[in-house]
Structures are given as structure tokens and as C-alpha cells.
Amino acid sequence: MDDVAYDIIAMYKTASREEIVNAVMKKYGDRPDVTRDDVLLCIDDVESLEKNGKLFTEDS
């Protein structure tokens, strides 16, 4: 799922949830370990990391 997560992070700031899901499923949909629910959970994780200051923070 690492490649999927990296793709989600790359799109997170510029695409809607639905756009991310569609792009990821188009690219990785043939993999049995990648489902729509998995992608949505990963987006939720990215949102949580951002809100907790663990992702997309300015370098200090």
C-alpha cells in the first residue's frame, strides 16, 4: 500500500476525495490489496496527520 499512500499524499492538496479515489482505483484497481474503502481510509489517515501537524508542515 506504500505506493498508493504516496500517490494519495501527492494528490491530497489539489484533488477532491472522489478524484483521488478514482485516480487511485484506475491505477491500482487490479491489485487485490487496494479497495475503495482502503483508499478512503488512507485519505482519512492523511487528513488526520495534517490536522495533527505531522504532514505538510513547514520546515523549521
PDB file of N, CA and C in Angstrom:
ATOM      1  N   MET A   1       0.818  -1.205   0.000  1.00  0.00           N
ATOM      2  CA  MET A   1       0.000   0.000   0.000  1.00  0.00           C
ATOM      3  C   MET A   1       0.857   1.262   0.000  1.00  0.00           C
ATOM      4  N   ASP A   2       2.167   1.157   0.155  1.00  0.00           N
ATOM      5  CA  ASP A   2       3.017   2.342   0.213  1.00  0.00           C
ATOM      6  C   ASP A   2       2.932   3.207  -1.038  1.00  0.00           C
ATOM      7  N   ASP A   3       3.000   2.601  -2.221  1.00  0.00           N
ATOM      8  CA  ASP A   3       2.890   3.383  -3.453  1.00  0.00           C
ATOM      9  C   ASP A   3       1.552   4.103  -3.516  1.00  0.00           C
ATOM     10  N   VAL A   4       0.525   3.434  -3.078  1.00  0.00           N
ATOM     11  CA  VAL A   4      -0.812   4.029  -3.062  1.00  0.00           C
ATOM     12  C   VAL A   4      -0.828   5.226  -2.124  1.00  0.00           C
ATOM     13  N   ALA A   5      -0.276   5.062  -0.935  1.00  0.00           N
ATOM     14  CA  ALA A   5      -0.246   6.153   0.043  1.00  0.00           C
ATOM     15  C   ALA A   5       0.528   7.351  -0.497  1.00  0.00           C
ATOM     16  N   TYR A   6       1.662   7.098  -1.133  1.00  0.00           N
ATOM     17  CA  TYR A   6       2.438   8.201  -1.703  1.00  0.00           C
ATOM     18  C   TYR A   6       1.648   8.932  -2.781  1.00  0.00           C
ATOM     19  N   ASP A   7       0.928   8.205  -3.605  1.00  0.00           N
ATOM     20  CA  ASP A   7       0.108   8.843  -4.633  1.00  0.00           C
ATOM     21  C   ASP A   7      -1.009   9.669  -4.001  1.00  0.00           C
ATOM     22  N   ILE A   8      -1.611   9.141  -2.957  1.00  0.00           N
ATOM     23  CA  ILE A   8      -2.678   9.876  -2.268  1.00  0.00           C
ATOM     24  C   ILE A   8      -2.124  11.165  -1.678  1.00  0.00           C
ATOM     25  N   ILE A   9      -0.979  11.081  -1.017  1.00  0.00           N
ATOM     26  CA  ILE A   9      -0.361  12.273  -0.431  1.00  0.00           C
ATOM     27  C   ILE A   9      -0.050  13.301  -1.519  1.00  0.00           C
ATOM     28  N   ALA A  10       0.445  12.843  -2.653  1.00  0.00           N
ATOM     29  CA  ALA A  10       0.786  13.753  -3.749  1.00  0.00           C
ATOM     30  C   ALA A  10      -0.437  14.491  -4.292  1.00  0.00           C
ATOM     31  N   MET A  11      -1.591  13.851  -4.276  1.00  0.00           N
ATOM     32  CA  MET A  11      -2.814  14.452  -4.820  1.00  0.00           C
ATOM     33  C   MET A  11      -3.644  15.182  -3.775  1.00  0.00           C
ATOM     34  N   TYR A  12      -3.366  14.950  -2.507  1.00  0.00           N
ATOM     35  CA  TYR A  12      -4.235  15.368  -1.412  1.00  0.00           C
ATOM     36  C   TYR A  12      -4.579  16.859  -1.434  1.00  0.00           C
ATOM     37  N   LYS A  13      -3.620  17.707  -1.708  1.00  0.00           N
ATOM     38  CA  LYS A  13      -3.855  19.154  -1.645  1.00  0.00           C
ATOM     39  C   LYS A  13      -4.533  19.717  -2.893  1.00  0.00           C
ATOM     40  N   THR A  14      -4.557  18.956  -3.969  1.00  0.00           N
ATOM     41  CA  THR A  14      -5.053  19.513  -5.232  1.00  0.00           C
ATOM     42  C   THR A  14      -6.275  18.801  -5.800  1.00  0.00           C
ATOM     43  N   ALA A  15      -6.688  17.716  -5.181  1.00  0.00           N
ATOM     44  CA  ALA A  15      -7.813  16.940  -5.723  1.00  0.00           C
ATOM     45  C   ALA A  15      -8.838  16.656  -4.629  1.00  0.00           C
ATOM     46  N   SER A  16     -10.069  16.469  -5.043  1.00  0.00           N
ATOM     47  CA  SER A  16     -11.122  16.096  -4.095  1.00  0.00           C
ATOM     48  C   SER A  16     -10.962  14.629  -3.705  1.00  0.00           C
ATOM     49  N   ARG A  17     -11.652  14.247  -2.645  1.00  0.00           N
ATOM     50  CA  ARG A  17     -11.613  12.846  -2.218  1.00  0.00           C
ATOM     51  C   ARG A  17     -12.016  11.923  -3.367  1.00  0.00           C
ATOM     52  N   GLU A  18     -13.082  12.281  -4.052  1.00  0.00           N
ATOM     53  CA  GLU A  18     -13.578  11.434  -5.142  1.00  0.00           C
ATOM     54  C   GLU A  18     -12.576  11.358  -6.287  1.00  0.00           C
ATOM     55  N   GLU A  19     -11.936  12.479  -6.600  1.00  0.00           N
ATOM     56  CA  GLU A  19     -10.915  12.471  -7.651  1.00  0.00           C
ATOM     57  C   GLU A  19      -9.739  11.577  -7.260  1.00  0.00           C
ATOM     58  N   ILE A  20      -9.347  11.640  -5.993  1.00  0.00           N
ATOM     59  CA  ILE A  20      -8.256  10.790  -5.515  1.00  0.00           C
ATOM     60  C   ILE A  20      -8.649   9.327  -5.619  1.00  0.00           C
ATOM     61  N   VAL A  21      -9.830   8.994  -5.131  1.00  0.00           N
ATOM     62  CA  VAL A  21     -10.293   7.601  -5.183  1.00  0.00           C
ATOM     63  C   VAL A  21     -10.319   7.109  -6.625  1.00  0.00           C
ATOM     64  N   ASN A  22     -10.884   7.899  -7.519  1.00  0.00           N
ATOM     65  CA  ASN A  22     -10.974   7.486  -8.924  1.00  0.00           C
ATOM     66  C   ASN A  22      -9.596   7.270  -9.537  1.00  0.00           C
ATOM     67  N   ALA A  23      -8.669   8.185  -9.282  1.00  0.00           N
ATOM     68  CA  ALA A  23      -7.324   8.065  -9.853  1.00  0.00           C
ATOM     69  C   ALA A  23      -6.589   6.851  -9.298  1.00  0.00           C
ATOM     70  N   VAL A  24      -6.697   6.655  -7.991  1.00  0.00           N
ATOM     71  CA  VAL A  24      -6.000   5.525  -7.366  1.00  0.00           C
ATOM     72  C   VAL A  24      -6.597   4.200  -7.835  1.00  0.00           C
ATOM     73  N   MET A  25      -7.912   4.121  -7.906  1.00  0.00           N
ATOM     74  CA  MET A  25      -8.538   2.877  -8.348  1.00  0.00           C
ATOM     75  C   MET A  25      -8.237   2.601  -9.823  1.00  0.00           C
ATOM     76  N   LYS A  26      -8.123   3.647 -10.619  1.00  0.00           N
ATOM     77  CA  LYS A  26      -7.768   3.452 -12.027  1.00  0.00           C
ATOM     78  C   LYS A  26      -6.354   2.892 -12.141  1.00  0.00           C
ATOM     79  N   LYS A  27      -5.456   3.398 -11.308  1.00  0.00           N
ATOM     80  CA  LYS A  27      -4.057   2.981 -11.376  1.00  0.00           C
ATOM     81  C   LYS A  27      -3.800   1.639 -10.694  1.00  0.00           C
ATOM     82  N   TYR A  28      -4.450   1.407  -9.542  1.00  0.00           N
ATOM     83  CA  TYR A  28      -4.139   0.228  -8.728  1.00  0.00           C
ATOM     84  C   TYR A  28      -5.309  -0.733  -8.553  1.00  0.00           C
ATOM     85  N   GLY A  29      -6.417  -0.480  -9.222  1.00  0.00           N
ATOM     86  CA  GLY A  29      -7.626  -1.262  -9.018  1.00  0.00           C
ATOM     87  C   GLY A  29      -7.506  -2.745  -9.289  1.00  0.00           C
ATOM     88  N   ASP A  30      -6.501  -3.141 -10.057  1.00  0.00           N
ATOM     89  CA  ASP A  30      -6.332  -4.566 -10.346  1.00  0.00           C
ATOM     90  C   ASP A  30      -5.601  -5.299  -9.222  1.00  0.00           C
ATOM     91  N   ARG A  31      -5.111  -4.553  -8.241  1.00  0.00           N
ATOM     92  CA  ARG A  31      -4.437  -5.186  -7.105  1.00  0.00           C
ATOM     93  C   ARG A  31      -5.477  -5.603  -6.063  1.00  0.00           C
ATOM     94  N   PRO A  32      -5.423  -6.830  -5.588  1.00  0.00           N
ATOM     95  CA  PRO A  32      -6.413  -7.290  -4.611  1.00  0.00           C
ATOM     96  C   PRO A  32      -6.305  -6.590  -3.257  1.00  0.00           C
ATOM     97  N   ASP A  33      -5.151  -5.984  -2.972  1.00  0.00           N
ATOM     98  CA  ASP A  33      -4.967  -5.326  -1.682  1.00  0.00           C
ATOM     99  C   ASP A  33      -5.366  -3.854  -1.704  1.00  0.00           C
ATOM    100  N   VAL A  34      -5.931  -3.382  -2.813  1.00  0.00           N
ATOM    101  CA  VAL A  34      -6.356  -1.987  -2.914  1.00  0.00           C
ATOM    102  C   VAL A  34      -7.850  -1.951  -3.227  1.00  0.00           C
ATOM    103  N   THR A  35      -8.625  -1.489  -2.253  1.00  0.00           N
ATOM    104  CA  THR A  35     -10.068  -1.341  -2.435  1.00  0.00           C
ATOM    105  C   THR A  35     -10.452   0.118  -2.231  1.00  0.00           C
ATOM    106  N   ARG A  36     -11.631   0.452  -2.653  1.00  0.00           N
ATOM    107  CA  ARG A  36     -12.148   1.813  -2.455  1.00  0.00           C
ATOM    108  C   ARG A  36     -12.133   2.177  -0.975  1.00  0.00           C
ATOM    109  N   ASP A  37     -12.550   1.252  -0.126  1.00  0.00           N
ATOM    110  CA  ASP A  37     -12.554   1.517   1.315  1.00  0.00           C
ATOM    111  C   ASP A  37     -11.143   1.757   1.843  1.00  0.00           C
ATOM    112  N   ASP A  38     -10.167   0.992   1.337  1.00  0.00           N
ATOM    113  CA  ASP A  38      -8.774   1.196   1.745  1.00  0.00           C
ATOM    114  C   ASP A  38      -8.298   2.595   1.370  1.00  0.00           C
ATOM    115  N   VAL A  39      -8.644   3.029   0.180  1.00  0.00           N
ATOM    116  CA  VAL A  39      -8.233   4.354  -0.284  1.00  0.00           C
ATOM    117  C   VAL A  39      -8.864   5.431   0.590  1.00  0.00           C
ATOM    118  N   LEU A  40     -10.138   5.287   0.883  1.00  0.00           N
ATOM    119  CA  LEU A  40     -10.813   6.261   1.740  1.00  0.00           C
ATOM    120  C   LEU A  40     -10.199   6.297   3.137  1.00  0.00           C
ATOM    121  N   LEU A  41      -9.848   5.138   3.676  1.00  0.00           N
ATOM    122  CA  LEU A  41      -9.192   5.093   4.986  1.00  0.00           C
ATOM    123  C   LEU A  41      -7.833   5.779   4.945  1.00  0.00           C
ATOM    124  N   CYS A  42      -7.110   5.587   3.874  1.00  0.00           N
ATOM    125  CA  CYS A  42      -5.809   6.232   3.731  1.00  0.00           C
ATOM    126  C   CYS A  42      -5.972   7.751   3.643  1.00  0.00           C
ATOM    127  N   ILE A  43      -6.964   8.215   2.919  1.00  0.00           N
ATOM    128  CA  ILE A  43      -7.240   9.656   2.853  1.00  0.00           C
ATOM    129  C   ILE A  43      -7.558  10.178   4.248  1.00  0.00           C
ATOM    130  N   ASP A  44      -8.356   9.441   5.003  1.00  0.00           N
ATOM    131  CA  ASP A  44      -8.661   9.829   6.384  1.00  0.00           C
ATOM    132  C   ASP A  44      -7.390   9.926   7.215  1.00  0.00           C
ATOM    133  N   ASP A  45      -6.481   8.977   7.033  1.00  0.00           N
ATOM    134  CA  ASP A  45      -5.210   8.999   7.762  1.00  0.00           C
ATOM    135  C   ASP A  45      -4.385  10.226   7.389  1.00  0.00           C
ATOM    136  N   VAL A  46      -4.343  10.558   6.111  1.00  0.00           N
ATOM    137  CA  VAL A  46      -3.607  11.741   5.660  1.00  0.00           C
ATOM    138  C   VAL A  46      -4.217  12.997   6.272  1.00  0.00           C
ATOM    139  N   GLU A  47      -5.542  13.083   6.286  1.00  0.00           N
ATOM    140  CA  GLU A  47      -6.220  14.232   6.899  1.00  0.00           C
ATOM    141  C   GLU A  47      -5.858  14.347   8.374  1.00  0.00           C
ATOM    142  N   SER A  48      -5.855  13.231   9.067  1.00  0.00           N
ATOM    143  CA  SER A  48      -5.519  13.213  10.486  1.00  0.00           C
ATOM    144  C   SER A  48      -4.072  13.655  10.719  1.00  0.00           C
ATOM    145  N   LEU A  49      -3.160  13.147   9.909  1.00  0.00           N
ATOM    146  CA  LEU A  49      -1.751  13.539  10.037  1.00  0.00           C
ATOM    147  C   LEU A  49      -1.579  15.038   9.807  1.00  0.00           C
ATOM    148  N   GLU A  50      -2.290  15.567   8.826  1.00  0.00           N
ATOM    149  CA  GLU A  50      -2.196  17.003   8.558  1.00  0.00           C
ATOM    150  C   GLU A  50      -2.740  17.808   9.738  1.00  0.00           C
ATOM    151  N   LYS A  51      -3.890  17.419  10.250  1.00  0.00           N
ATOM    152  CA  LYS A  51      -4.505  18.141  11.368  1.00  0.00           C
ATOM    153  C   LYS A  51      -3.646  18.103  12.621  1.00  0.00           C
ATOM    154  N   ASN A  52      -2.873  17.025  12.787  1.00  0.00           N
ATOM    155  CA  ASN A  52      -2.015  16.877  13.963  1.00  0.00           C
ATOM    156  C   ASN A  52      -0.605  17.409  13.731  1.00  0.00           C
ATOM    157  N   GLY A  53      -0.402  18.103  12.611  1.00  0.00           N
ATOM    158  CA  GLY A  53       0.881  18.725  12.334  1.00  0.00           C
ATOM    159  C   GLY A  53       1.997  17.767  11.971  1.00  0.00           C
ATOM    160  N   LYS A  54       1.649  16.582  11.514  1.00  0.00           N
ATOM    161  CA  LYS A  54       2.644  15.569  11.157  1.00  0.00           C
ATOM    162  C   LYS A  54       2.923  15.506   9.662  1.00  0.00           C
ATOM    163  N   LEU A  55       2.135  16.237   8.883  1.00  0.00           N
ATOM    164  CA  LEU A  55       2.266  16.186   7.428  1.00  0.00           C
ATOM    165  C   LEU A  55       1.995  17.578   6.876  1.00  0.00           C
ATOM    166  N   PHE A  56       2.702  17.946   5.829  1.00  0.00           N
ATOM    167  CA  PHE A  56       2.547  19.252   5.189  1.00  0.00           C
ATOM    168  C   PHE A  56       2.882  20.396   6.139  1.00  0.00           C
ATOM    169  N   THR A  57       3.903  20.210   6.962  1.00  0.00           N
ATOM    170  CA  THR A  57       4.321  21.275   7.871  1.00  0.00           C
ATOM    171  C   THR A  57       5.530  21.989   7.288  1.00  0.00           C
ATOM    172  N   GLU A  58       5.708  23.223   7.681  1.00  0.00           N
ATOM    173  CA  GLU A  58       6.857  23.994   7.217  1.00  0.00           C
ATOM    174  C   GLU A  58       8.110  23.481   7.898  1.00  0.00           C
ATOM    175  N   ASP A  59       9.210  23.473   7.151  1.00  0.00           N
ATOM    176  CA  ASP A  59      10.488  23.088   7.743  1.00  0.00           C
ATOM    177  C   ASP A  59      10.908  24.146   8.750  1.00  0.00           C
ATOM    178  N   SER A  60      11.515  23.685   9.824  1.00  0.00           N
ATOM    179  CA  SER A  60      11.966  24.660  10.827  1.00  0.00           C
ATOM    180  C   SER A  60      13.462  24.616  10.992  1.00  0.00           C
TER     181      SER A  60
END
